[in-house]
Amino acid sequence: MKSVRKALRKGELVKDTYQRVCCAECDKPLKTENDPDEITTLRICPDCGMEWKELR
């Protein structure tokens, strides 16, 4: 699982006009999954199911 920042640099993720992080392949905004016991947040593409982690 890659981080959101690395994926943005590599072009796997892009930001739309409202600065929402979107999957570059599907062009859909990512969903967020928070676990209160973890320090990271999972960002998941609703179409392809790819996951990226993001520090809170």
PDB file of N, CA and C in Angstrom:
ATOM      1  N   MET A   1       0.851  -1.172   0.000  1.00  0.00           N
ATOM      2  CA  MET A   1       0.000   0.000   0.000  1.00  0.00           C
ATOM      3  C   MET A   1       0.896   1.233   0.000  1.00  0.00           C
ATOM      4  N   LYS A   2       0.658   2.121  -0.933  1.00  0.00           N
ATOM      5  CA  LYS A   2       1.458   3.329  -1.056  1.00  0.00           C
ATOM      6  C   LYS A   2       0.804   4.472  -0.303  1.00  0.00           C
ATOM      7  N   SER A   3       1.570   5.521  -0.086  1.00  0.00           N
ATOM      8  CA  SER A   3       1.005   6.704   0.541  1.00  0.00           C
ATOM      9  C   SER A   3       0.376   7.598  -0.529  1.00  0.00           C
ATOM     10  N   VAL A   4      -0.524   8.448  -0.100  1.00  0.00           N
ATOM     11  CA  VAL A   4      -1.217   9.363  -1.011  1.00  0.00           C
ATOM     12  C   VAL A   4      -0.219  10.325  -1.650  1.00  0.00           C
ATOM     13  N   ARG A   5       0.729  10.811  -0.880  1.00  0.00           N
ATOM     14  CA  ARG A   5       1.701  11.775  -1.414  1.00  0.00           C
ATOM     15  C   ARG A   5       2.557  11.170  -2.516  1.00  0.00           C
ATOM     16  N   LYS A   6       3.019   9.915  -2.318  1.00  0.00           N
ATOM     17  CA  LYS A   6       3.823   9.253  -3.349  1.00  0.00           C
ATOM     18  C   LYS A   6       2.990   8.988  -4.598  1.00  0.00           C
ATOM     19  N   ALA A   7       1.738   8.594  -4.411  1.00  0.00           N
ATOM     20  CA  ALA A   7       0.861   8.325  -5.554  1.00  0.00           C
ATOM     21  C   ALA A   7       0.560   9.599  -6.338  1.00  0.00           C
ATOM     22  N   LEU A   8       0.445  10.733  -5.648  1.00  0.00           N
ATOM     23  CA  LEU A   8       0.238  12.012  -6.347  1.00  0.00           C
ATOM     24  C   LEU A   8       1.451  12.367  -7.192  1.00  0.00           C
ATOM     25  N   ARG A   9       2.645  12.127  -6.642  1.00  0.00           N
ATOM     26  CA  ARG A   9       3.869  12.426  -7.386  1.00  0.00           C
ATOM     27  C   ARG A   9       4.035  11.533  -8.610  1.00  0.00           C
ATOM     28  N   LYS A  10       3.635  10.252  -8.495  1.00  0.00           N
ATOM     29  CA  LYS A  10       3.796   9.306  -9.601  1.00  0.00           C
ATOM     30  C   LYS A  10       2.678   9.402 -10.632  1.00  0.00           C
ATOM     31  N   GLY A  11       1.613  10.132 -10.323  1.00  0.00           N
ATOM     32  CA  GLY A  11       0.515  10.278 -11.269  1.00  0.00           C
ATOM     33  C   GLY A  11      -0.581   9.244 -11.118  1.00  0.00           C
ATOM     34  N   GLU A  12      -0.532   8.420 -10.065  1.00  0.00           N
ATOM     35  CA  GLU A  12      -1.588   7.442  -9.825  1.00  0.00           C
ATOM     36  C   GLU A  12      -2.846   8.121  -9.293  1.00  0.00           C
ATOM     37  N   LEU A  13      -2.665   9.235  -8.593  1.00  0.00           N
ATOM     38  CA  LEU A  13      -3.765  10.031  -8.079  1.00  0.00           C
ATOM     39  C   LEU A  13      -3.634  11.446  -8.626  1.00  0.00           C
ATOM     40  N   VAL A  14      -4.760  12.106  -8.790  1.00  0.00           N
ATOM     41  CA  VAL A  14      -4.784  13.497  -9.248  1.00  0.00           C
ATOM     42  C   VAL A  14      -5.752  14.279  -8.368  1.00  0.00           C
ATOM     43  N   LYS A  15      -5.648  15.593  -8.410  1.00  0.00           N
ATOM     44  CA  LYS A  15      -6.594  16.452  -7.699  1.00  0.00           C
ATOM     45  C   LYS A  15      -7.491  17.125  -8.725  1.00  0.00           C
ATOM     46  N   ASP A  16      -8.789  17.194  -8.406  1.00  0.00           N
ATOM     47  CA  ASP A  16      -9.713  17.851  -9.322  1.00  0.00           C
ATOM     48  C   ASP A  16      -9.756  19.349  -9.034  1.00  0.00           C
ATOM     49  N   THR A  17     -10.680  20.056  -9.658  1.00  0.00           N
ATOM     50  CA  THR A  17     -10.733  21.514  -9.518  1.00  0.00           C
ATOM     51  C   THR A  17     -11.085  21.962  -8.109  1.00  0.00           C
ATOM     52  N   TYR A  18     -11.698  21.080  -7.316  1.00  0.00           N
ATOM     53  CA  TYR A  18     -12.039  21.403  -5.934  1.00  0.00           C
ATOM     54  C   TYR A  18     -11.017  20.850  -4.947  1.00  0.00           C
ATOM     55  N   GLN A  19      -9.847  20.418  -5.439  1.00  0.00           N
ATOM     56  CA  GLN A  19      -8.738  19.888  -4.646  1.00  0.00           C
ATOM     57  C   GLN A  19      -9.082  18.566  -3.957  1.00  0.00           C
ATOM     58  N   ARG A  20     -10.065  17.814  -4.488  1.00  0.00           N
ATOM     59  CA  ARG A  20     -10.349  16.474  -3.993  1.00  0.00           C
ATOM     60  C   ARG A  20      -9.397  15.505  -4.674  1.00  0.00           C
ATOM     61  N   VAL A  21      -8.918  14.530  -3.910  1.00  0.00           N
ATOM     62  CA  VAL A  21      -8.011  13.525  -4.456  1.00  0.00           C
ATOM     63  C   VAL A  21      -8.839  12.479  -5.199  1.00  0.00           C
ATOM     64  N   CYS A  22      -8.454  12.224  -6.476  1.00  0.00           N
ATOM     65  CA  CYS A  22      -9.190  11.290  -7.326  1.00  0.00           C
ATOM     66  C   CYS A  22      -8.235  10.258  -7.903  1.00  0.00           C
ATOM     67  N   CYS A  23      -8.760   9.081  -8.202  1.00  0.00           N
ATOM     68  CA  CYS A  23      -8.001   8.023  -8.865  1.00  0.00           C
ATOM     69  C   CYS A  23      -7.773   8.452 -10.318  1.00  0.00           C
ATOM     70  N   ALA A  24      -6.542   8.343 -10.799  1.00  0.00           N
ATOM     71  CA  ALA A  24      -6.223   8.769 -12.159  1.00  0.00           C
ATOM     72  C   ALA A  24      -6.835   7.836 -13.203  1.00  0.00           C
ATOM     73  N   GLU A  25      -6.965   6.546 -12.893  1.00  0.00           N
ATOM     74  CA  GLU A  25      -7.536   5.579 -13.845  1.00  0.00           C
ATOM     75  C   GLU A  25      -9.045   5.723 -13.958  1.00  0.00           C
ATOM     76  N   CYS A  26      -9.728   5.813 -12.823  1.00  0.00           N
ATOM     77  CA  CYS A  26     -11.197   5.821 -12.803  1.00  0.00           C
ATOM     78  C   CYS A  26     -11.793   7.220 -12.841  1.00  0.00           C
ATOM     79  N   ASP A  27     -11.005   8.218 -12.461  1.00  0.00           N
ATOM     80  CA  ASP A  27     -11.447   9.616 -12.394  1.00  0.00           C
ATOM     81  C   ASP A  27     -12.603   9.792 -11.408  1.00  0.00           C
ATOM     82  N   LYS A  28     -12.551   9.062 -10.287  1.00  0.00           N
ATOM     83  CA  LYS A  28     -13.562   9.146  -9.232  1.00  0.00           C
ATOM     84  C   LYS A  28     -12.905   9.616  -7.941  1.00  0.00           C
ATOM     85  N   PRO A  29     -13.582  10.454  -7.136  1.00  0.00           N
ATOM     86  CA  PRO A  29     -13.043  10.855  -5.830  1.00  0.00           C
ATOM     87  C   PRO A  29     -12.899   9.653  -4.905  1.00  0.00           C
ATOM     88  N   LEU A  30     -11.872   9.682  -4.076  1.00  0.00           N
ATOM     89  CA  LEU A  30     -11.599   8.575  -3.165  1.00  0.00           C
ATOM     90  C   LEU A  30     -12.502   8.632  -1.941  1.00  0.00           C
ATOM     91  N   LYS A  31     -12.857   7.472  -1.440  1.00  0.00           N
ATOM     92  CA  LYS A  31     -13.612   7.349  -0.194  1.00  0.00           C
ATOM     93  C   LYS A  31     -12.617   7.252   0.956  1.00  0.00           C
ATOM     94  N   THR A  32     -13.046   7.645   2.156  1.00  0.00           N
ATOM     95  CA  THR A  32     -12.182   7.649   3.331  1.00  0.00           C
ATOM     96  C   THR A  32     -12.675   6.622   4.341  1.00  0.00           C
ATOM     97  N   GLU A  33     -11.738   5.876   4.908  1.00  0.00           N
ATOM     98  CA  GLU A  33     -12.058   4.904   5.945  1.00  0.00           C
ATOM     99  C   GLU A  33     -11.153   5.187   7.137  1.00  0.00           C
ATOM    100  N   ASN A  34     -11.745   5.642   8.240  1.00  0.00           N
ATOM    101  CA  ASN A  34     -10.987   5.991   9.442  1.00  0.00           C
ATOM    102  C   ASN A  34     -11.106   4.888  10.479  1.00  0.00           C
ATOM    103  N   ASP A  35      -9.978   4.507  11.045  1.00  0.00           N
ATOM    104  CA  ASP A  35      -9.951   3.589  12.171  1.00  0.00           C
ATOM    105  C   ASP A  35      -9.425   4.387  13.361  1.00  0.00           C
ATOM    106  N   PRO A  36     -10.203   4.544  14.432  1.00  0.00           N
ATOM    107  CA  PRO A  36      -9.766   5.394  15.549  1.00  0.00           C
ATOM    108  C   PRO A  36      -8.508   4.898  16.256  1.00  0.00           C
ATOM    109  N   ASP A  37      -8.174   3.616  16.104  1.00  0.00           N
ATOM    110  CA  ASP A  37      -6.994   3.067  16.762  1.00  0.00           C
ATOM    111  C   ASP A  37      -5.728   3.213  15.931  1.00  0.00           C
ATOM    112  N   GLU A  38      -5.852   3.608  14.676  1.00  0.00           N
ATOM    113  CA  GLU A  38      -4.707   3.732  13.777  1.00  0.00           C
ATOM    114  C   GLU A  38      -4.337   5.195  13.579  1.00  0.00           C
ATOM    115  N   ILE A  39      -3.075   5.430  13.243  1.00  0.00           N
ATOM    116  CA  ILE A  39      -2.592   6.783  12.989  1.00  0.00           C
ATOM    117  C   ILE A  39      -2.831   7.193  11.532  1.00  0.00           C
ATOM    118  N   THR A  40      -3.079   6.213  10.667  1.00  0.00           N
ATOM    119  CA  THR A  40      -3.284   6.495   9.251  1.00  0.00           C
ATOM    120  C   THR A  40      -4.761   6.368   8.876  1.00  0.00           C
ATOM    121  N   THR A  41      -5.108   7.011   7.770  1.00  0.00           N
ATOM    122  CA  THR A  41      -6.441   6.933   7.193  1.00  0.00           C
ATOM    123  C   THR A  41      -6.321   6.221   5.859  1.00  0.00           C
ATOM    124  N   LEU A  42      -7.226   5.315   5.577  1.00  0.00           N
ATOM    125  CA  LEU A  42      -7.228   4.632   4.290  1.00  0.00           C
ATOM    126  C   LEU A  42      -8.060   5.421   3.294  1.00  0.00           C
ATOM    127  N   ARG A  43      -7.508   5.635   2.111  1.00  0.00           N
ATOM    128  CA  ARG A  43      -8.231   6.270   1.012  1.00  0.00           C
ATOM    129  C   ARG A  43      -8.441   5.200  -0.041  1.00  0.00           C
ATOM    130  N   ILE A  44      -9.695   4.937  -0.414  1.00  0.00           N
ATOM    131  CA  ILE A  44     -10.044   3.813  -1.277  1.00  0.00           C
ATOM    132  C   ILE A  44     -10.802   4.311  -2.498  1.00  0.00           C
ATOM    133  N   CYS A  45     -10.420   3.803  -3.672  1.00  0.00           N
ATOM    134  CA  CYS A  45     -11.143   4.118  -4.900  1.00  0.00           C
ATOM    135  C   CYS A  45     -12.404   3.255  -4.944  1.00  0.00           C
ATOM    136  N   PRO A  46     -13.590   3.858  -5.144  1.00  0.00           N
ATOM    137  CA  PRO A  46     -14.821   3.070  -5.146  1.00  0.00           C
ATOM    138  C   PRO A  46     -14.955   2.142  -6.358  1.00  0.00           C
ATOM    139  N   ASP A  47     -14.306   2.449  -7.475  1.00  0.00           N
ATOM    140  CA  ASP A  47     -14.445   1.625  -8.676  1.00  0.00           C
ATOM    141  C   ASP A  47     -13.436   0.478  -8.739  1.00  0.00           C
ATOM    142  N   CYS A  48     -12.135   0.802  -8.659  1.00  0.00           N
ATOM    143  CA  CYS A  48     -11.123  -0.238  -8.843  1.00  0.00           C
ATOM    144  C   CYS A  48     -10.673  -0.888  -7.533  1.00  0.00           C
ATOM    145  N   GLY A  49     -10.971  -0.273  -6.385  1.00  0.00           N
ATOM    146  CA  GLY A  49     -10.642  -0.878  -5.102  1.00  0.00           C
ATOM    147  C   GLY A  49      -9.217  -0.656  -4.627  1.00  0.00           C
ATOM    148  N   MET A  50      -8.427   0.130  -5.343  1.00  0.00           N
ATOM    149  CA  MET A  50      -7.056   0.416  -4.900  1.00  0.00           C
ATOM    150  C   MET A  50      -7.091   1.206  -3.597  1.00  0.00           C
ATOM    151  N   GLU A  51      -6.074   1.005  -2.747  1.00  0.00           N
ATOM    152  CA  GLU A  51      -6.004   1.656  -1.442  1.00  0.00           C
ATOM    153  C   GLU A  51      -4.698   2.414  -1.288  1.00  0.00           C
ATOM    154  N   TRP A  52      -4.779   3.563  -0.636  1.00  0.00           N
ATOM    155  CA  TRP A  52      -3.613   4.362  -0.291  1.00  0.00           C
ATOM    156  C   TRP A  52      -3.771   4.794   1.154  1.00  0.00           C
ATOM    157  N   LYS A  53      -2.634   4.985   1.837  1.00  0.00           N
ATOM    158  CA  LYS A  53      -2.700   5.431   3.238  1.00  0.00           C
ATOM    159  C   LYS A  53      -2.305   6.903   3.310  1.00  0.00           C
ATOM    160  N   GLU A  54      -2.863   7.569   4.318  1.00  0.00           N
ATOM    161  CA  GLU A  54      -2.617   8.990   4.519  1.00  0.00           C
ATOM    162  C   GLU A  54      -2.512   9.253   6.013  1.00  0.00           C
ATOM    163  N   LEU A  55      -1.491  10.000   6.418  1.00  0.00           N
ATOM    164  CA  LEU A  55      -1.357  10.353   7.830  1.00  0.00           C
ATOM    165  C   LEU A  55      -2.389  11.413   8.180  1.00  0.00           C
ATOM    166  N   ARG A  56      -2.948  11.292   9.371  1.00  0.00           N
ATOM    167  CA  ARG A  56      -3.943  12.271   9.822  1.00  0.00           C
ATOM    168  C   ARG A  56      -3.298  13.482  10.393  1.00  0.00           C
TER     169      ARG A  56
END
